[in-house]
Amino acid sequence: MNVELPLSLRAMIESRVLEKYPVSALTEAAMGVSGRYRREGAKAHDFQIASEVEALSYLAARMPATYAANRMVMAAIAASYPDFAPQSVLDIGAGPGTSTLAAHHAFDAIDRSQLVEPNAHLRKAGIDLVSPEFTNARWDAAKAEDFHPDGTFDLVIVSYVLNEIAPQKLGLFIEKLWNACSGVMMILEPGTPQGAGIIDIIRNGAIARHINILAPCPHANECPLAGIETRWCHFSVRTSRSKLHKTLKGGEAGFEDEKFSYIVLSRHKTTPPYYRLIGHPSGTKLREMQVCSPKGAETLQVSKSHPLHKLSKKLEWGDGFDI
């Protein structure tokens, strides 16, 4: 699936960023953040972004892919719960506000947003460059684990945050946010074994508490990919790279594939699709589709004469479908 940050918005953000700093300074800052991230892991990101130039380079380098992943999850929400029309959103570990921006583009009725981000440089970048794109936004400087929601929100977003939470605190942290959710809570983590493992812990907790899983899971059985070293539940979305984006990333490819794992919990009971694609479909005359279903993980082989063959050409990794 291809998802793009609106080009006019991207051009405006990059123009504003380049007004402040030359490409050389942004590139050096991006390399510094990336190096610290690789050395220290995705922890305590309020210390990883140490200056305005680092925040702006991070915004230019990471915003398109983060936006795309969030929009893909929101598309899955809309597919399974088409009547969902949130008016309020709580964004935990908001960074520069990318997830809230995606929510405003995905759901027209949002008129109240609260963004929780402890890093002053990321928060300022979001307030200056992203926040003007949505209305009635309130920013909070608390750390995610220290934040206590005041009231409830239709949509709660926890995007690339949970690997900063100590494992022994994860259950109570999710419970706190779930209690603040009146509609849907979506949780994204990097599409790595670690990220998928965190999602599986949350999934197991939700099942134990009889909380409805809206997506991606088509069943409440044990995850068939849990514990497999060479395979884990994750998805992928493609987004294009601008000239500045390629420079900051240090690559020549005109696109980027963002891999992520996710789960969506809902107060509203929904009926999941029977199948969820957990890999890219392949083949022409004989289509092969890696799917998850109540029967577990399997590979469907669909011949040209099968009624599903025509549909299979339109389906992409992450889509849910019935037969």
Protein backbone atom coordinates (compact mmCIF):
# COMPACT_ATOMS: atom_id res chain seq x y z
CA MET A 1 0.00 0.00 0.00
CA ASN A 2 1.21 3.51 -0.86
CA VAL A 3 0.30 6.38 1.48
CA GLU A 4 1.56 9.92 1.08
CA LEU A 5 1.79 12.91 3.35
CA PRO A 6 -0.07 15.64 1.38
CA LEU A 7 2.51 17.07 -1.00
CA SER A 8 1.60 20.71 -0.34
CA LEU A 9 2.01 20.19 3.40
CA ARG A 10 5.27 18.32 2.94
CA ALA A 11 6.63 21.07 0.70
CA MET A 12 5.62 23.74 3.22
CA ILE A 13 7.27 21.90 6.12
CA GLU A 14 10.49 21.27 4.18
CA SER A 15 10.59 24.90 3.04
CA ARG A 16 10.21 26.13 6.61
CA VAL A 17 12.87 23.70 7.83
CA LEU A 18 15.32 24.79 5.12
CA GLU A 19 14.70 28.45 5.97
CA LYS A 20 16.20 27.77 9.39
CA TYR A 21 19.07 25.39 8.64
CA PRO A 22 21.18 24.38 5.63
CA VAL A 23 21.01 20.81 4.35
CA SER A 24 24.48 20.09 5.73
CA ALA A 25 23.42 20.95 9.30
CA LEU A 26 20.20 18.94 8.98
CA THR A 27 22.09 15.94 7.61
CA GLU A 28 24.65 16.06 10.41
CA ALA A 29 21.84 16.28 12.97
CA ALA A 30 19.95 13.38 11.40
CA MET A 31 23.07 11.21 11.48
CA GLY A 32 23.63 12.10 15.13
CA VAL A 33 20.10 11.14 16.15
CA SER A 34 20.26 7.95 14.11
CA GLY A 35 23.58 6.97 15.65
CA ARG A 36 22.33 7.48 19.20
CA TYR A 37 19.16 5.56 18.39
CA ARG A 38 21.15 2.57 17.14
CA ARG A 39 23.48 2.63 20.15
CA GLU A 40 20.88 3.18 22.87
CA GLY A 41 17.76 1.65 21.37
CA ALA A 42 14.36 3.29 21.22
CA LYS A 43 14.33 4.42 24.83
CA ALA A 44 14.04 7.78 26.56
CA HIS A 45 13.50 9.64 23.31
CA ASP A 46 13.11 12.86 25.26
CA PHE A 47 16.91 12.71 25.52
CA GLN A 48 17.54 11.62 21.94
CA ILE A 49 16.40 14.90 20.37
CA ALA A 50 18.75 17.43 21.93
CA SER A 51 18.28 20.60 19.86
CA GLU A 52 16.01 22.43 17.44
CA VAL A 53 18.02 21.33 14.40
CA GLU A 54 17.77 17.69 15.50
CA ALA A 55 14.01 18.05 15.96
CA LEU A 56 13.56 19.57 12.51
CA SER A 57 15.77 16.97 10.82
CA TYR A 58 13.79 14.25 12.61
CA LEU A 59 10.54 15.82 11.43
CA ALA A 60 11.69 15.90 7.81
CA ALA A 61 13.15 12.39 7.89
CA ARG A 62 10.55 10.47 9.91
CA MET A 63 7.23 12.26 9.49
CA PRO A 64 6.25 10.82 6.07
CA ALA A 65 6.69 7.17 7.12
CA THR A 66 5.10 7.63 10.56
CA TYR A 67 2.17 9.41 8.94
CA ALA A 68 1.76 6.60 6.40
CA ALA A 69 1.76 3.86 9.06
CA ASN A 70 -0.84 5.71 11.11
CA ARG A 71 -3.05 6.28 8.08
CA MET A 72 -2.87 2.58 7.18
CA VAL A 73 -4.05 1.61 10.68
CA MET A 74 -6.81 4.20 10.50
CA ALA A 75 -7.91 2.72 7.16
CA ALA A 76 -8.18 -0.67 8.89
CA ILE A 77 -10.33 0.96 11.59
CA ALA A 78 -12.62 2.50 8.98
CA ALA A 79 -12.93 -0.81 7.13
CA SER A 80 -14.05 -2.71 10.25
CA TYR A 81 -15.94 0.12 11.95
CA PRO A 82 -17.26 2.44 9.21
CA ASP A 83 -19.53 4.36 11.61
CA PHE A 84 -16.62 5.43 13.80
CA ALA A 85 -16.49 9.24 13.72
CA PRO A 86 -14.26 10.45 16.56
CA GLN A 87 -14.57 14.02 17.76
CA SER A 88 -11.68 13.93 20.23
CA VAL A 89 -8.19 12.44 20.11
CA LEU A 90 -5.50 11.79 22.71
CA ASP A 91 -2.01 11.31 21.26
CA ILE A 92 0.49 9.78 23.71
CA GLY A 93 4.18 10.37 22.93
CA ALA A 94 3.03 12.63 20.14
CA GLY A 95 6.43 13.78 18.90
CA PRO A 96 5.73 16.63 16.48
CA GLY A 97 2.05 15.63 16.17
CA THR A 98 2.25 13.27 13.19
CA SER A 99 -0.37 10.81 14.45
CA THR A 100 -2.84 13.56 15.32
CA LEU A 101 -2.34 15.03 11.86
CA ALA A 102 -3.10 11.63 10.33
CA ALA A 103 -6.23 11.34 12.47
CA HIS A 104 -7.51 14.73 11.30
CA HIS A 105 -7.00 13.67 7.69
CA ALA A 106 -8.68 10.29 8.25
CA PHE A 107 -11.64 11.41 10.36
CA ASP A 108 -13.46 14.64 9.51
CA ALA A 109 -15.29 15.18 12.81
CA ILE A 110 -12.29 15.66 15.14
CA ASP A 111 -12.50 19.04 16.88
CA ARG A 112 -10.45 18.46 20.05
CA SER A 113 -6.91 17.10 20.33
CA GLN A 114 -4.58 16.59 23.28
CA LEU A 115 -0.96 15.80 22.46
CA VAL A 116 1.41 14.54 25.15
CA GLU A 117 5.11 15.01 24.34
CA PRO A 118 7.88 15.59 26.91
CA ASN A 119 10.62 16.67 24.49
CA ALA A 120 10.59 20.46 24.26
CA HIS A 121 12.26 20.56 20.83
CA LEU A 122 9.83 18.10 19.25
CA ARG A 123 6.91 19.84 20.92
CA LYS A 124 7.96 23.24 19.55
CA ALA A 125 8.44 21.80 16.05
CA GLY A 126 4.95 20.35 16.25
CA ILE A 127 3.37 23.55 17.55
CA ASP A 128 5.10 25.68 14.89
CA LEU A 129 4.78 23.44 11.82
CA VAL A 130 2.12 20.77 12.35
CA SER A 131 -0.39 22.04 14.91
CA PRO A 132 -1.75 24.79 12.60
CA GLU A 133 -3.17 21.98 10.44
CA PHE A 134 -5.72 21.05 13.11
CA THR A 135 -8.00 22.96 15.47
CA ASN A 136 -8.35 23.17 19.25
CA ALA A 137 -5.07 21.42 20.08
CA ARG A 138 -3.66 21.25 23.58
CA TRP A 139 -0.05 20.20 24.14
CA ASP A 140 1.13 18.62 27.38
CA ALA A 141 4.80 18.30 28.42
CA ALA A 142 4.36 15.23 30.64
CA LYS A 143 6.18 11.96 30.08
CA ALA A 144 3.87 9.22 28.87
CA GLU A 145 4.10 7.16 32.05
CA ASP A 146 3.49 10.25 34.24
CA PHE A 147 0.50 11.57 32.30
CA HIS A 148 -2.96 11.12 33.80
CA PRO A 149 -5.80 11.80 31.34
CA ASP A 150 -8.48 14.26 32.35
CA GLY A 151 -11.70 12.89 30.92
CA THR A 152 -12.18 10.52 28.01
CA PHE A 153 -11.38 10.60 24.31
CA ASP A 154 -13.03 8.94 21.32
CA LEU A 155 -9.66 7.99 19.82
CA VAL A 156 -6.52 7.25 21.82
CA ILE A 157 -3.28 6.88 19.83
CA VAL A 158 -0.14 5.26 21.24
CA SER A 159 2.35 5.38 18.38
CA TYR A 160 5.96 4.13 18.74
CA VAL A 161 5.95 4.72 22.50
CA LEU A 162 5.67 1.44 24.41
CA ASN A 163 9.28 0.36 24.00
CA GLU A 164 10.04 3.29 26.32
CA ILE A 165 7.85 1.81 29.09
CA ALA A 166 9.36 -0.67 31.54
CA PRO A 167 7.87 -4.14 30.89
CA GLN A 168 6.60 -4.44 34.47
CA LYS A 169 4.67 -1.17 34.05
CA LEU A 170 3.19 -1.93 30.63
CA GLY A 171 -0.07 -3.51 31.84
CA LEU A 172 -0.99 -0.66 34.18
CA PHE A 173 0.03 1.91 31.55
CA ILE A 174 -2.29 0.39 28.94
CA GLU A 175 -5.10 0.08 31.50
CA LYS A 176 -4.75 3.78 32.35
CA LEU A 177 -5.09 4.76 28.70
CA TRP A 178 -7.90 2.29 28.04
CA ASN A 179 -9.87 3.85 30.91
CA ALA A 180 -9.51 7.19 29.12
CA CYS A 181 -10.80 5.73 25.85
CA SER A 182 -14.50 5.97 25.03
CA GLY A 183 -14.18 4.56 21.52
CA VAL A 184 -11.04 3.16 19.91
CA MET A 185 -7.42 2.83 21.03
CA MET A 186 -4.76 2.18 18.38
CA ILE A 187 -1.24 1.10 19.28
CA LEU A 188 1.70 0.97 16.87
CA GLU A 189 5.22 -0.31 17.41
CA PRO A 190 8.16 -0.87 15.03
CA GLY A 191 7.71 -3.95 12.85
CA THR A 192 10.51 -5.83 14.58
CA PRO A 193 10.41 -8.98 16.73
CA GLN A 194 10.57 -6.73 19.80
CA GLY A 195 7.74 -4.50 18.57
CA ALA A 196 5.57 -7.47 17.62
CA GLY A 197 6.28 -9.00 21.03
CA ILE A 198 4.99 -5.89 22.80
CA ILE A 199 1.84 -5.96 20.68
CA ASP A 200 1.34 -9.64 21.51
CA ILE A 201 1.54 -8.89 25.24
CA ILE A 202 -1.15 -6.22 24.84
CA ARG A 203 -3.25 -8.57 22.72
CA ASN A 204 -3.11 -11.31 25.33
CA GLY A 205 -4.10 -8.85 28.04
CA ALA A 206 -7.02 -7.57 25.97
CA ILE A 207 -8.28 -11.10 25.31
CA ALA A 208 -8.03 -11.97 29.00
CA ARG A 209 -10.19 -8.93 29.81
CA HIS A 210 -12.65 -9.66 26.97
CA ILE A 211 -11.81 -6.39 25.20
CA ASN A 212 -12.82 -6.31 21.55
CA ILE A 213 -9.88 -6.42 19.12
CA LEU A 214 -10.91 -4.46 16.05
CA ALA A 215 -7.76 -5.08 13.98
CA PRO A 216 -5.65 -6.67 12.70
CA CYS A 217 -6.53 -10.01 14.32
CA PRO A 218 -9.33 -12.04 12.70
CA HIS A 219 -9.69 -14.18 15.84
CA ALA A 220 -9.04 -14.27 19.58
CA ASN A 221 -7.04 -17.49 19.53
CA GLU A 222 -3.34 -17.60 20.37
CA CYS A 223 -1.31 -15.66 17.81
CA PRO A 224 0.05 -18.27 15.38
CA LEU A 225 3.23 -16.24 14.83
CA ALA A 226 4.04 -15.65 18.50
CA GLY A 227 7.32 -17.21 19.55
CA ILE A 228 8.56 -17.88 16.01
CA GLU A 229 12.08 -16.45 15.71
CA THR A 230 12.08 -16.12 11.93
CA ARG A 231 8.60 -14.68 11.50
CA TRP A 232 6.46 -12.18 13.38
CA CYS A 233 3.21 -10.28 12.82
CA HIS A 234 3.94 -6.99 11.11
CA PHE A 235 2.81 -4.94 8.14
CA SER A 236 4.32 -2.57 5.60
CA VAL A 237 3.39 0.70 3.95
CA ARG A 238 5.30 2.52 1.22
CA THR A 239 5.78 6.27 0.98
CA SER A 240 7.80 8.40 -1.41
CA ARG A 241 11.00 10.26 -0.56
CA SER A 242 11.63 13.86 -1.51
CA LYS A 243 15.10 15.12 -2.42
CA LEU A 244 15.64 16.35 1.15
CA HIS A 245 14.28 13.11 2.58
CA LYS A 246 16.74 11.04 0.53
CA THR A 247 19.63 13.23 1.64
CA LEU A 248 18.74 12.96 5.33
CA LYS A 249 18.28 9.20 5.03
CA GLY A 250 21.52 8.76 3.11
CA GLY A 251 19.91 6.74 0.33
CA GLU A 252 19.01 7.03 -3.34
CA ALA A 253 15.75 5.07 -3.39
CA GLY A 254 12.74 7.20 -4.24
CA PHE A 255 10.58 5.42 -1.69
CA GLU A 256 10.64 4.06 1.84
CA ASP A 257 8.91 0.97 3.24
CA GLU A 258 7.81 1.46 6.83
CA LYS A 259 7.41 -1.81 8.74
CA PHE A 260 5.20 -1.75 11.82
CA SER A 261 3.13 -3.93 14.15
CA TYR A 262 -0.16 -2.76 15.59
CA ILE A 263 -3.35 -3.56 17.46
CA VAL A 264 -6.65 -1.69 17.68
CA LEU A 265 -8.94 -2.10 20.69
CA SER A 266 -12.57 -0.97 20.56
CA ARG A 267 -15.39 -0.33 23.01
CA HIS A 268 -17.75 -1.14 20.15
CA LYS A 269 -18.20 -4.79 19.25
CA THR A 270 -17.13 -5.43 15.67
CA THR A 271 -17.01 -8.48 13.44
CA PRO A 272 -13.50 -9.10 12.10
CA PRO A 273 -12.82 -10.27 8.55
CA TYR A 274 -12.22 -14.01 8.28
CA TYR A 275 -8.79 -13.49 6.72
CA ARG A 276 -6.03 -10.90 7.18
CA LEU A 277 -3.16 -10.76 4.71
CA ILE A 278 0.12 -11.03 6.62
CA GLY A 279 2.43 -10.84 3.60
CA HIS A 280 2.55 -9.62 0.01
CA PRO A 281 0.35 -11.69 -2.36
CA SER A 282 2.39 -13.27 -5.15
CA GLY A 283 1.91 -15.10 -8.44
CA THR A 284 -0.23 -14.40 -11.48
CA LYS A 285 -2.23 -17.41 -12.66
CA LEU A 286 -1.82 -19.16 -9.31
CA ARG A 287 -2.05 -16.56 -6.56
CA GLU A 288 -0.45 -17.31 -3.21
CA MET A 289 -1.62 -15.34 -0.20
CA GLN A 290 -0.16 -15.56 3.30
CA VAL A 291 -3.09 -15.10 5.66
CA CYS A 292 -4.08 -15.30 9.30
CA SER A 293 -7.50 -16.77 10.10
CA PRO A 294 -9.20 -18.61 12.97
CA LYS A 295 -7.43 -21.69 11.62
CA GLY A 296 -4.03 -20.04 12.15
CA ALA A 297 -1.38 -18.81 9.70
CA GLU A 298 -1.63 -20.44 6.29
CA THR A 299 -0.94 -19.88 2.61
CA LEU A 300 -3.95 -19.79 0.32
CA GLN A 301 -3.40 -20.94 -3.25
CA VAL A 302 -5.98 -19.40 -5.54
CA SER A 303 -6.27 -20.67 -9.11
CA LYS A 304 -7.49 -18.49 -11.95
CA SER A 305 -10.85 -20.28 -11.95
CA HIS A 306 -11.45 -19.56 -8.26
CA PRO A 307 -13.94 -16.74 -7.47
CA LEU A 308 -11.34 -15.20 -5.14
CA HIS A 309 -8.74 -14.81 -7.90
CA LYS A 310 -10.06 -11.49 -9.20
CA LEU A 311 -10.29 -10.04 -5.70
CA SER A 312 -6.79 -11.28 -4.85
CA LYS A 313 -5.28 -8.95 -7.46
CA LYS A 314 -6.70 -5.95 -5.60
CA LEU A 315 -5.69 -7.05 -2.12
CA GLU A 316 -2.51 -5.85 -0.42
CA TRP A 317 -0.52 -6.84 2.64
CA GLY A 318 -2.58 -5.87 5.67
CA ASP A 319 -6.01 -6.06 4.04
CA GLY A 320 -8.79 -8.05 5.63
CA PHE A 321 -11.28 -9.98 3.54
CA ASP A 322 -14.01 -12.64 3.61
CA ILE A 323 -14.91 -15.40 1.19
